[in-house]
Protein backbone atom coordinates (compact mmCIF):
# COMPACT_ATOMS: atom_id res chain seq x y z
CA UNK A 1 -33.46 33.98 30.40
CA UNK A 2 -34.96 30.47 30.49
CA UNK A 3 -33.57 27.34 32.09
CA UNK A 4 -30.83 25.71 29.96
CA UNK A 5 -31.84 22.50 28.21
CA UNK A 6 -30.40 19.15 29.39
CA UNK A 7 -28.27 18.95 26.23
CA UNK A 8 -26.85 22.41 26.89
CA UNK A 9 -26.06 21.46 30.47
CA UNK A 10 -24.25 18.34 29.27
CA UNK A 11 -22.17 20.36 26.83
CA UNK A 12 -21.27 22.93 29.52
CA UNK A 13 -20.35 20.16 31.95
CA UNK A 14 -18.13 18.56 29.33
CA UNK A 15 -16.39 21.87 28.61
CA UNK A 16 -15.82 22.49 32.32
CA UNK A 17 -14.52 18.97 32.84
CA UNK A 18 -12.15 19.42 29.92
CA UNK A 19 -10.78 22.66 31.34
CA UNK A 20 -10.27 21.12 34.79
CA UNK A 21 -8.60 18.07 33.29
CA UNK A 22 -6.30 20.21 31.18
CA UNK A 23 -5.22 22.23 34.23
CA UNK A 24 -4.48 19.03 36.12
CA UNK A 25 -2.55 17.48 33.25
CA UNK A 26 -0.54 20.49 32.12
CA UNK A 27 -0.44 22.86 35.09
CA UNK A 28 -1.02 26.53 34.57
CA UNK A 29 -0.02 27.61 31.07
CA UNK A 30 2.44 30.32 30.09
CA UNK A 31 1.15 33.17 27.95
CA UNK A 32 2.88 35.21 25.27
CA UNK A 33 0.85 37.99 23.66
CA UNK A 34 2.57 39.58 20.66
CA UNK A 35 1.00 42.82 19.47
CA UNK A 36 2.15 44.14 16.10
CA UNK A 37 1.80 47.87 15.42
CA UNK A 38 -0.04 49.22 12.33
CA UNK A 39 -0.05 45.81 10.64
CA UNK A 40 -2.54 45.12 7.86
CA UNK A 41 -4.83 42.10 7.58
CA UNK A 42 -3.17 41.42 4.25
CA UNK A 43 0.34 41.53 5.74
CA UNK A 44 -0.05 37.90 6.80
CA UNK A 45 0.76 35.52 3.97
CA UNK A 46 -1.71 32.97 5.30
CA UNK A 47 -4.42 35.62 4.80
CA UNK A 48 -3.28 37.14 1.52
CA UNK A 49 -1.45 35.13 -1.14
CA UNK A 50 0.37 38.20 -2.46
CA UNK A 51 2.33 38.48 0.82
CA UNK A 52 5.55 36.43 0.78
CA UNK A 53 7.46 37.88 3.77
CA UNK A 54 5.86 35.99 6.68
CA UNK A 55 6.97 32.34 6.59
CA UNK A 56 7.25 32.04 10.39
CA UNK A 57 3.82 33.53 11.00
CA UNK A 58 2.41 31.35 8.23
CA UNK A 59 3.91 28.32 9.97
CA UNK A 60 2.21 29.39 13.20
CA UNK A 61 -1.05 29.54 11.26
CA UNK A 62 -0.44 26.05 9.87
CA UNK A 63 0.34 24.66 13.33
CA UNK A 64 -2.34 26.62 15.15
CA UNK A 65 -5.57 28.50 14.51
CA UNK A 66 -6.00 31.51 12.25
CA UNK A 67 -8.80 33.98 12.97
CA UNK A 68 -10.45 35.52 9.94
CA UNK A 69 -12.83 37.94 11.67
CA UNK A 70 -10.63 39.30 14.46
CA UNK A 71 -10.68 42.98 15.44
CA UNK A 72 -8.67 45.44 17.46
CA UNK A 73 -10.73 47.22 20.11
CA UNK A 74 -9.81 50.59 18.61
CA UNK A 75 -7.97 51.76 15.52
CA UNK A 76 -5.19 53.77 17.13
CA UNK A 77 -2.44 53.02 19.63
CA UNK A 78 -3.31 53.99 23.21
CA UNK A 79 -7.02 53.04 23.13
CA UNK A 80 -6.23 49.70 21.50
CA UNK A 81 -3.61 48.79 24.11
CA UNK A 82 -5.73 49.96 27.02
CA UNK A 83 -8.58 47.75 25.87
CA UNK A 84 -6.34 44.71 25.43
CA UNK A 85 -4.94 45.07 28.95
CA UNK A 86 -8.31 45.74 30.61
CA UNK A 87 -10.84 43.84 28.48
CA UNK A 88 -12.87 47.07 28.36
CA UNK A 89 -13.54 49.60 25.61
CA UNK A 90 -12.20 53.12 25.94
CA UNK A 91 -15.72 54.33 26.71
CA UNK A 92 -15.35 52.36 29.97
CA UNK A 93 -11.62 52.51 30.78
CA UNK A 94 -11.28 56.19 29.87
CA UNK A 95 -8.57 55.88 27.21
CA UNK A 96 -10.14 57.32 24.07
CA UNK A 97 -7.12 58.84 22.28
CA UNK A 98 -3.34 58.68 22.29
CA UNK A 99 -1.17 59.99 25.11
CA UNK A 100 1.56 62.52 24.30
CA UNK A 101 5.22 62.91 25.26
CA UNK A 102 4.17 65.52 27.82
CA UNK A 103 1.15 63.60 29.16
CA UNK A 104 0.83 63.61 32.92
CA UNK A 105 -1.68 60.77 32.97
CA UNK A 106 -2.24 57.40 31.39
CA UNK A 107 -4.46 54.39 31.78
CA UNK A 108 -6.49 55.33 34.88
CA UNK A 109 -5.03 53.84 38.04
CA UNK A 110 -8.38 52.44 39.16
CA UNK A 111 -8.41 50.18 36.09
CA UNK A 112 -6.97 46.71 36.69
CA UNK A 113 -4.58 45.35 34.08
CA UNK A 114 -4.21 41.78 32.88
CA UNK A 115 -0.68 41.79 34.31
CA UNK A 116 -1.99 42.72 37.77
CA UNK A 117 -4.50 39.87 37.74
CA UNK A 118 -1.98 37.30 36.53
CA UNK A 119 0.75 38.46 38.93
CA UNK A 120 -1.77 38.09 41.74
CA UNK A 121 -2.32 34.52 40.53
CA UNK A 122 1.40 33.73 40.86
CA UNK A 123 2.65 34.57 37.37
CA UNK A 124 5.94 36.23 36.44
CA UNK A 125 4.96 39.19 34.27
CA UNK A 126 7.00 41.04 31.68
CA UNK A 127 6.35 43.79 29.15
CA UNK A 128 8.75 44.38 26.29
CA UNK A 129 8.28 47.01 23.62
CA UNK A 130 5.96 49.97 23.18
CA UNK A 131 3.81 50.94 26.19
CA UNK A 132 1.92 54.17 25.29
CA UNK A 133 -0.37 54.02 28.33
CA UNK A 134 1.37 56.67 30.42
CA UNK A 135 5.02 56.99 31.41
CA UNK A 136 4.83 59.52 34.23
CA UNK A 137 4.71 58.53 37.89
CA UNK A 138 2.60 55.46 38.65
CA UNK A 139 1.33 55.16 35.09
CA UNK A 140 4.64 53.56 34.13
CA UNK A 141 4.37 49.79 33.40
CA UNK A 142 6.47 48.97 36.45
CA UNK A 143 3.50 50.11 38.55
CA UNK A 144 0.85 48.42 36.41
CA UNK A 145 1.52 44.79 37.22
CA UNK A 146 4.73 44.06 35.32
CA UNK A 147 7.69 42.60 37.19
CA UNK A 148 9.96 43.56 34.32
CA UNK A 149 9.77 46.21 31.62
CA UNK A 150 12.09 46.90 28.70
CA UNK A 151 10.96 49.23 25.95
CA UNK A 152 9.91 52.65 24.76
CA UNK A 153 7.19 54.69 26.49
CA UNK A 154 5.25 55.62 23.34
CA UNK A 155 5.43 55.30 19.55
CA UNK A 156 8.91 55.41 18.08
CA UNK A 157 8.08 58.39 15.87
CA UNK A 158 7.45 60.43 19.06
CA UNK A 159 11.06 61.39 19.64
CA UNK A 160 14.16 61.82 17.52
CA UNK A 161 16.84 59.18 17.05
CA UNK A 162 20.24 59.04 15.39
CA UNK A 163 18.81 56.34 13.09
CA UNK A 164 15.46 57.88 12.14
CA UNK A 165 14.56 55.12 9.68
CA UNK A 166 12.31 55.39 6.65
CA UNK A 167 9.35 57.75 6.96
CA UNK A 168 7.16 59.83 4.70
CA UNK A 169 8.10 62.62 4.76
CA UNK A 170 11.50 61.85 6.30
CA UNK A 171 12.58 63.23 9.67
CA UNK A 172 16.15 64.37 10.46
CA UNK A 173 18.24 62.62 13.14
CA UNK A 174 18.69 64.09 16.60
CA UNK A 175 20.90 67.18 16.76
CA UNK A 176 24.52 66.52 17.73
CA UNK A 177 26.34 68.61 20.32
CA UNK A 178 28.49 71.20 18.64
CA UNK A 179 27.16 70.38 15.18
CA UNK A 180 24.90 72.90 13.53
CA UNK A 181 21.94 71.31 11.77
CA UNK A 182 20.90 73.45 8.83
CA UNK A 183 17.94 71.28 7.94
CA UNK A 184 14.52 72.58 8.83
CA UNK A 185 12.90 70.18 11.26
CA UNK A 186 9.25 69.35 10.70
CA UNK A 187 6.89 70.20 13.52
CA UNK A 188 5.97 66.55 14.04
CA UNK A 189 9.54 65.25 14.12
CA UNK A 190 10.07 65.81 17.87
CA UNK A 191 13.65 67.04 17.50
CA UNK A 192 13.47 68.68 20.94
CA UNK A 193 13.41 65.34 22.76
CA UNK A 194 15.08 62.03 21.97
CA UNK A 195 13.29 58.70 22.11
CA UNK A 196 14.15 56.97 25.42
CA UNK A 197 14.64 53.27 26.07
CA UNK A 198 13.68 52.07 29.56
CA UNK A 199 14.66 49.08 31.61
CA UNK A 200 12.20 49.11 34.46
CA UNK A 201 12.30 52.75 35.64
CA UNK A 202 15.74 53.58 34.29
CA UNK A 203 16.44 55.26 30.97
CA UNK A 204 19.25 53.10 29.61
CA UNK A 205 19.61 54.70 26.18
CA UNK A 206 18.52 58.03 24.75
CA UNK A 207 18.21 58.39 21.83
CA UNK A 208 17.33 54.81 21.00
CA UNK A 209 19.27 53.07 18.25
CA UNK A 210 16.31 51.95 16.16
CA UNK A 211 18.48 49.77 13.94
CA UNK A 212 19.30 47.55 16.91
CA UNK A 213 15.96 47.66 18.70
CA UNK A 214 14.55 44.44 17.20
CA UNK A 215 17.56 42.42 18.31
CA UNK A 216 17.41 43.90 21.82
CA UNK A 217 13.72 43.07 22.14
CA UNK A 218 14.43 39.49 21.09
CA UNK A 219 17.31 39.17 23.56
CA UNK A 220 15.29 40.58 26.45
CA UNK A 221 12.29 38.39 25.62
CA UNK A 222 14.48 35.30 25.56
CA UNK A 223 16.08 36.27 28.86
CA UNK A 224 12.69 36.83 30.48
CA UNK A 225 11.35 33.48 29.25
CA UNK A 226 14.48 31.66 30.41
CA UNK A 227 14.50 33.23 33.88
CA UNK A 228 10.75 32.76 34.38
CA UNK A 229 10.99 29.13 33.30
CA UNK A 230 13.94 28.50 35.61
CA UNK A 231 11.95 29.96 38.51
CA UNK A 232 9.25 27.33 38.12
CA UNK A 233 6.51 29.97 37.94
CA UNK A 234 4.22 30.35 34.94
CA UNK A 235 4.83 33.55 33.00
CA UNK A 236 2.97 36.19 31.04
CA UNK A 237 4.98 38.10 28.42
CA UNK A 238 3.41 41.06 26.63
CA UNK A 239 5.58 41.82 23.59
CA UNK A 240 4.46 45.04 21.86
CA UNK A 241 6.53 45.40 18.71
CA UNK A 242 7.60 48.58 16.91
CA UNK A 243 6.75 46.92 13.60
CA UNK A 244 5.00 47.93 11.36
CA UNK A 245 4.71 51.52 12.57
CA UNK A 246 6.89 54.06 10.78
CA UNK A 247 9.70 54.87 10.90
CA UNK A 248 10.71 51.52 9.46
CA UNK A 249 14.13 50.69 10.81
CA UNK A 250 15.56 48.75 7.88
CA UNK A 251 19.35 49.21 7.66
CA UNK A 252 20.55 50.96 4.47
CA UNK A 253 20.91 50.45 1.59
CA UNK A 254 17.23 49.97 0.73
CA UNK A 255 16.42 46.34 -0.06
CA UNK A 256 16.22 45.28 -3.68
CA UNK A 257 13.51 42.68 -3.05
CA UNK A 258 10.06 43.03 -4.61
CA UNK A 259 8.58 43.90 -1.23
CA UNK A 260 10.77 46.98 -0.89
CA UNK A 261 11.42 48.67 2.43
CA UNK A 262 8.07 47.63 3.89
CA UNK A 263 8.59 44.02 2.88
CA UNK A 264 12.06 43.96 4.43
CA UNK A 265 10.70 45.33 7.71
CA UNK A 266 7.84 42.82 7.63
CA UNK A 267 10.37 40.02 7.17
CA UNK A 268 12.32 41.32 10.17
CA UNK A 269 9.18 41.23 12.32
CA UNK A 270 8.33 37.76 11.09
CA UNK A 271 11.80 36.46 11.98
CA UNK A 272 11.45 37.95 15.48
CA UNK A 273 8.14 36.14 16.01
CA UNK A 274 9.74 32.90 14.84
CA UNK A 275 12.61 33.37 17.29
CA UNK A 276 10.21 33.91 20.22
CA UNK A 277 8.19 30.84 19.25
CA UNK A 278 11.34 28.66 19.17
CA UNK A 279 12.41 29.98 22.57
CA UNK A 280 9.03 29.21 24.09
CA UNK A 281 8.97 25.70 22.61
CA UNK A 282 12.48 25.00 23.90
CA UNK A 283 11.20 25.40 27.47
CA UNK A 284 8.48 22.80 27.08
CA UNK A 285 6.49 22.51 23.88
CA UNK A 286 2.81 22.66 24.67
CA UNK A 287 3.23 24.67 27.87
CA UNK A 288 2.83 28.11 26.27
CA UNK A 289 -0.08 29.78 24.50
CA UNK A 290 1.22 32.28 21.96
CA UNK A 291 -1.37 34.79 20.72
CA UNK A 292 -0.40 37.14 17.87
CA UNK A 293 -2.57 40.08 16.75
CA UNK A 294 -2.40 43.60 15.37
CA UNK A 295 -3.22 46.76 17.32
CA UNK A 296 -5.00 48.43 14.37
CA UNK A 297 -4.86 48.62 10.60
CA UNK A 298 -2.26 50.22 8.34
CA UNK A 299 -1.35 53.90 8.43
CA UNK A 300 -2.45 54.65 4.88
CA UNK A 301 -1.09 58.20 4.68
CA UNK A 302 2.42 56.70 4.70
CA UNK A 303 1.85 55.42 1.16
CA UNK A 304 4.29 52.63 0.19
CA UNK A 305 5.45 52.42 3.81
CA UNK A 306 1.96 51.36 4.92
CA UNK A 307 0.65 47.83 5.19
CA UNK A 308 -1.73 45.81 3.06
CA UNK A 309 -5.47 45.97 3.63
CA UNK A 310 -6.29 42.79 1.76
CA UNK A 311 -9.91 43.02 0.58
CA UNK A 312 -10.94 45.51 3.31
CA UNK A 313 -10.68 48.67 1.24
CA UNK A 314 -13.69 50.64 2.57
CA UNK A 315 -14.76 51.54 -0.95
CA UNK A 316 -17.71 53.73 0.14
CA UNK A 317 -15.36 56.01 2.08
CA UNK A 318 -12.67 56.03 -0.59
CA UNK A 319 -15.18 57.42 -3.07
CA UNK A 320 -15.69 60.37 -0.70
CA UNK A 321 -12.06 61.02 0.17
CA UNK A 322 -9.70 59.99 2.93
CA UNK A 323 -8.33 56.66 4.08
CA UNK A 324 -10.46 53.80 5.35
CA UNK A 325 -7.65 52.22 7.40
CA UNK A 326 -6.03 53.23 10.71
CA UNK A 327 -8.01 55.78 12.77
CA UNK A 328 -11.33 54.75 11.18
CA UNK A 329 -14.08 52.25 11.95
CA UNK A 330 -13.99 50.78 8.46
CA UNK A 331 -12.85 47.15 8.38
CA UNK A 332 -9.38 48.21 7.26
CA UNK A 333 -9.00 50.21 10.47
CA UNK A 334 -9.62 47.43 12.96
CA UNK A 335 -9.82 44.00 11.29
CA UNK A 336 -6.35 42.64 11.98
CA UNK A 337 -4.40 39.41 11.44
CA UNK A 338 -4.56 37.10 14.46
CA UNK A 339 -3.20 33.65 15.29
CA UNK A 340 -3.20 31.38 18.32
CA UNK A 341 -0.56 28.66 18.75
CA UNK A 342 -0.52 26.12 21.56
CA UNK A 343 0.76 22.69 20.51
CA UNK A 344 -1.42 19.86 21.70
CA UNK A 345 -4.14 22.22 22.93
CA UNK A 346 -5.19 24.43 20.03
CA UNK A 347 -6.10 22.59 16.81
CA UNK A 348 -3.60 22.88 13.98
CA UNK A 349 -4.51 23.95 10.45
CA UNK A 350 -7.78 25.44 11.65
CA UNK A 351 -9.41 28.60 10.40
CA UNK A 352 -12.02 30.19 12.64
CA UNK A 353 -14.61 32.67 11.41
CA UNK A 354 -15.81 33.54 14.92
CA UNK A 355 -16.26 37.27 15.54
CA UNK A 356 -13.45 38.00 18.04
CA UNK A 357 -11.52 40.96 19.41
CA UNK A 358 -8.37 41.86 21.32
CA UNK A 359 -10.88 42.59 24.12
CA UNK A 360 -11.19 38.82 24.53
CA UNK A 361 -7.54 38.26 25.44
CA UNK A 362 -8.00 39.55 29.01
CA UNK A 363 -10.94 37.33 30.12
CA UNK A 364 -9.65 34.30 28.21
CA UNK A 365 -6.18 34.32 29.79
CA UNK A 366 -7.66 35.01 33.22
CA UNK A 367 -9.89 31.94 32.85
CA UNK A 368 -7.06 29.74 31.58
CA UNK A 369 -4.90 30.82 34.52
CA UNK A 370 -7.65 29.85 36.97
CA UNK A 371 -7.88 33.44 38.17
CA UNK A 372 -10.95 35.65 38.58
CA UNK A 373 -11.99 38.84 36.85
CA UNK A 374 -11.82 42.10 38.83
CA UNK A 375 -15.14 42.99 40.49
CA UNK A 376 -17.36 46.06 40.20
CA UNK A 377 -16.97 46.60 36.48
CA UNK A 378 -18.29 45.19 33.22
CA UNK A 379 -16.20 43.73 30.44
CA UNK A 380 -16.58 43.96 26.69
CA UNK A 381 -14.36 40.93 26.10
CA UNK A 382 -15.41 37.29 26.30
CA UNK A 383 -13.72 34.13 27.51
CA UNK A 384 -13.25 32.53 24.09
CA UNK A 385 -11.50 29.37 25.34
CA UNK A 386 -14.07 27.17 23.52
CA UNK A 387 -13.13 28.86 20.23
CA UNK A 388 -9.41 28.45 20.93
CA UNK A 389 -9.82 24.75 21.66
CA UNK A 390 -11.97 24.15 18.59
CA UNK A 391 -15.10 23.29 20.58
CA UNK A 392 -17.05 26.24 19.19
CA UNK A 393 -16.90 28.80 16.44
CA UNK A 394 -19.20 31.32 18.10
CA UNK A 395 -17.79 34.64 19.27
CA UNK A 396 -19.50 37.99 19.86
CA UNK A 397 -23.13 38.46 18.99
CA UNK A 398 -22.53 42.22 19.02
CA UNK A 399 -19.21 44.03 18.67
CA UNK A 400 -18.78 47.78 19.10
CA UNK A 401 -16.28 49.97 17.24
CA UNK A 402 -15.35 53.34 18.78
CA UNK A 403 -14.12 56.46 17.07
CA UNK A 404 -10.33 56.62 17.19
CA UNK A 405 -9.52 60.00 15.75
CA UNK A 406 -10.59 60.29 12.11
CA UNK A 407 -13.99 61.86 12.63
CA UNK A 408 -16.46 62.51 15.41
CA UNK A 409 -15.96 62.42 19.16
CA UNK A 410 -13.07 60.47 20.73
CA UNK A 411 -14.23 57.10 22.04
CA UNK A 412 -17.81 57.51 20.85
CA UNK A 413 -19.39 54.24 19.66
CA UNK A 414 -19.80 55.02 15.99
CA UNK A 415 -20.23 51.57 14.48
CA UNK A 416 -21.87 48.32 15.52
CA UNK A 417 -21.45 44.81 14.21
CA UNK A 418 -24.34 42.34 14.49
CA UNK A 419 -23.70 38.99 12.81
CA UNK A 420 -22.82 39.79 9.18
CA UNK A 421 -24.29 43.28 9.38
CA UNK A 422 -22.29 46.40 10.14
CA UNK A 423 -24.10 49.64 10.98
CA UNK A 424 -22.41 53.07 10.78
CA UNK A 425 -23.88 55.93 12.80
CA UNK A 426 -20.87 58.07 11.86
CA UNK A 427 -18.47 57.70 8.95
CA UNK A 428 -15.24 59.50 8.12
CA UNK A 429 -11.85 59.02 6.53
CA UNK A 430 -8.40 59.53 7.99
CA UNK A 431 -5.71 61.25 5.94
CA UNK A 432 -4.92 59.21 2.84
CA UNK A 433 -1.69 58.93 0.84
CA UNK A 434 -2.93 61.69 -1.49
CA UNK A 435 -3.51 64.04 1.47
CA UNK A 436 -7.30 63.87 1.31
CA UNK A 437 -9.42 63.56 4.46
CA UNK A 438 -13.00 62.34 4.62
CA UNK A 439 -15.08 64.62 6.86
CA UNK A 440 -17.41 63.20 9.49
CA UNK A 441 -20.90 62.31 8.29
CA UNK A 442 -23.64 61.32 10.71
CA UNK A 443 -26.25 58.81 9.63
CA UNK A 444 -29.74 58.46 11.06
CA UNK A 445 -30.92 55.89 10.21
CA UNK A 446 -27.52 54.21 10.04
CA UNK A 447 -25.71 53.00 6.95
CA UNK A 448 -25.84 49.20 7.01
CA UNK A 449 -23.54 46.89 5.04
CA UNK A 450 -23.90 43.13 4.64
CA UNK A 451 -20.28 41.98 4.98
CA UNK A 452 -21.10 38.48 3.72
CA UNK A 453 -21.84 39.98 0.30
CA UNK A 454 -19.88 43.22 0.46
CA UNK A 455 -16.60 42.80 2.31
CA UNK A 456 -15.25 45.89 0.53
CA UNK A 457 -17.97 48.02 2.21
CA UNK A 458 -18.90 49.51 -1.11
CA UNK A 459 -22.69 49.64 -1.24
CA UNK A 460 -24.88 50.10 1.85
CA UNK A 461 -28.28 48.44 1.92
CA UNK A 462 -31.15 50.42 0.47
CA UNK A 463 -33.12 51.78 3.42
CA UNK A 464 -36.33 50.87 1.61
CA UNK A 465 -35.26 47.27 1.05
CA UNK A 466 -36.85 44.37 2.88
CA UNK A 467 -33.44 43.30 4.20
CA UNK A 468 -32.71 46.73 5.71
CA UNK A 469 -36.13 46.99 7.33
CA UNK A 470 -35.79 43.46 8.73
CA UNK A 471 -32.40 44.00 10.40
CA UNK A 472 -32.74 47.64 11.53
CA UNK A 473 -34.86 46.94 14.66
CA UNK A 474 -32.33 44.40 16.00
CA UNK A 475 -29.44 46.77 15.31
CA UNK A 476 -31.24 49.69 16.98
CA UNK A 477 -32.02 47.61 20.08
CA UNK A 478 -28.43 46.37 20.33
CA UNK A 479 -27.04 49.90 19.94
CA UNK A 480 -29.39 51.35 22.58
CA UNK A 481 -28.62 48.54 25.04
CA UNK A 482 -24.87 48.95 24.52
CA UNK A 483 -24.98 52.68 25.23
CA UNK A 484 -27.16 52.12 28.32
CA UNK A 485 -24.81 49.42 29.59
CA UNK A 486 -21.80 51.72 29.29
CA UNK A 487 -23.65 54.66 30.87
CA UNK A 488 -24.53 52.57 33.96
CA UNK A 489 -21.09 50.97 34.35
CA UNK A 490 -18.19 51.91 36.60
CA UNK A 491 -16.57 54.20 34.01
CA UNK A 492 -13.05 55.63 34.39
CA UNK A 493 -11.73 58.99 33.20
CA UNK A 494 -8.19 59.37 31.88
CA UNK A 495 -6.11 62.45 32.65
CA UNK A 496 -5.03 63.95 29.33
CA UNK A 497 -3.43 67.06 30.80
CA UNK A 498 0.11 67.92 29.69
CA UNK A 499 3.17 69.24 31.47
CA UNK A 500 6.64 69.58 29.90
CA UNK A 501 8.07 68.19 33.15
CA UNK A 502 6.47 64.83 32.33
CA UNK A 503 8.73 64.40 29.30
CA UNK A 504 11.18 61.54 29.95
CA UNK A 505 14.73 62.83 29.48
CA UNK A 506 18.04 61.81 31.05
CA UNK A 507 19.28 65.35 30.32
CA UNK A 508 23.05 65.00 30.05
CA UNK A 509 23.08 68.74 29.46
CA UNK A 510 20.25 67.94 27.05
CA UNK A 511 21.14 68.17 23.31
CA UNK A 512 18.40 65.66 22.69
CA UNK A 513 18.76 63.99 26.10
CA UNK A 514 21.84 61.93 25.31
CA UNK A 515 22.69 58.97 27.50
CA UNK A 516 23.75 55.39 26.97
CA UNK A 517 23.51 52.06 28.74
CA UNK A 518 26.17 51.05 31.31
CA UNK A 519 28.71 48.46 30.30
CA UNK A 520 27.03 45.62 32.16
CA UNK A 521 23.57 44.78 33.43
CA UNK A 522 24.97 44.29 36.94
CA UNK A 523 26.07 47.93 37.02
CA UNK A 524 22.56 49.16 36.33
CA UNK A 525 20.49 50.41 39.24
CA UNK A 526 16.83 49.44 39.53
CA UNK A 527 15.54 52.29 41.63
CA UNK A 528 11.81 52.81 41.65
CA UNK A 529 10.66 56.34 42.18
CA UNK A 530 7.27 57.93 42.54
CA UNK A 531 8.15 60.41 39.81
CA UNK A 532 8.88 57.72 37.23
CA UNK A 533 12.25 57.63 35.50
CA UNK A 534 15.57 57.39 37.25
CA UNK A 535 18.01 59.51 35.24
CA UNK A 536 21.08 57.60 34.14
CA UNK A 537 23.37 59.96 32.25
CA UNK A 538 26.87 59.16 31.06
C-alpha cells in the first residue's frame, strides 16, 4: 500500500475529529439492535410499495437512513446470529448450521461477543428474544456478556406450545395431563418437549404462551431501557424478535385484512418496533442508535405464511426447482431490510446503496463506544460509521456468502460479491412452497450475474463475453484471497454433539415440561448454575 495523499489525510483527520467531538458532546451512545426473523426485503413498506403494514418502520426510514444493499451474514438462524455477535463469518467462528434442542454446544466459548466487549467498556447489556446460540451450560446468554436475558433458547417452532399459532402444515398443541390426544403428531412438531421461556437462567414458563410473547418482550425491553437509563450507564439492548418466523402467533379469528395472517403478524411486529423507538426517545432523544435488520430472507416453503422477496426472486434457480430465499445464497436468502435511526446524528430521509452486512454491526458499535476489537482474530465486518453519518456511501469491496443448508457443505463460501457482480461457485434451492428442491450444482468457472442489470438473477453472463472475461480475474483473485485469509486465521470449531440431557425442561412430572411464572418478579430466584437452567416448577 502507498502513502495516503494529503487530501485523504485531511479527510481522515476530519472524520476522526468529528467522532471525538461527537463523543465529547453526547457522551457514549446507547445501542438497540433489533433483529427480525425470516423477514423479507419486500416486507418493509419503504422498500416495496405493495407493503402497507409497516408504518412505524417506514417512519424510522423517513427519519433515519434506509440501506438498500444490506445483507445477513448467513441465510439461516444460528450462523446469522453468531456472525452478528462476533463480526465474523461462520467459517471463522465455527457456527455453520443451526443448533438443536439437544445440542450440548453453541457459539464457541473462545469467541468474544459484542455484549462482552461493550460490558467491558461499562455498558449495561441485555438480550431479549430468541438466542439460538447454545442454551446448555456456559453457552447460555447469561454467560456470553449479557447482564440480563429474557427469551426463548431457540426458534419458537422447536418446541410445542398451547397456542401453536399458524403454520404450514399445522402442529398440534402440547399434550395435556390426563387428556388423550388422538391427533397424529408430525415428526417436526416437537411434541415431546415444550418451548421454554427464560429469565436469566430460570425457566419461568413452559410451554410459552405465544399469543402473549410480543407484549412480554415489549414490557421487558421497556423495563431494561428504563433501569439502564436510571443507572446512568449507557446500554446495549439486543432484541431478537420471533417475527416473522412461523408459527405466526396472531390471535384467532384470522384477520380479514388484505394482508391476511402474515400481514397481521407483520403489523404486530411493526407496532412493537414503534413502541421500542418511543421508549428510547423518551429517555433522551438523540442518545440512542437504533439499528433494525433481518436475520435472513423469507421461509418460502411456508407459502402464504412466508414474507415478500420484493424483486429478489432468484429466477435462474426457480427455473430449476426449489426456493431462492431462506437457506440459499440467492439475493432473496440474505438481502434483508435494514434501517438506522439516531436523531441528530444519522441523516434523515437518506437512502444508502453501500454494500453492508450484519457483520458490520459489531465493529461499528465497538468503535462508537470507544472500545477496542478483541485481539488475535480477523473480522469480516467493517466499521461503517462514515456510512451511518452520511460522510460516505462506500461499504464492502468484497462480501462473502456462505452455504446455510440448501446445498453443498455447511459454512462453505459458495458465493462472492464484488461491486455489482455476484459469482456463484455453488448453486442450489431450498424447499419451495410446491415441495420442490433445487439440487446442488457446482460451477467452474463460476456463474456471474451483473446485479445492476439483473437484480432478479435471471441470466448469468455469457462466459465468452467480453464483460465476463474482464471481471473473472478480479473475482478469482478475491475468492482465492478470501479462502487463504480464513485458512490462516484463528478459526473456532463449534460443538454440534447432542445429548437428551441438554434439553431445557422444568419437568413438573413432564407432560410437556409444564411450569409457570411465579406471581411476582421479587419471588423469582436468579441462581446461576454451571449446568444452565434452574428448574422452577409449580
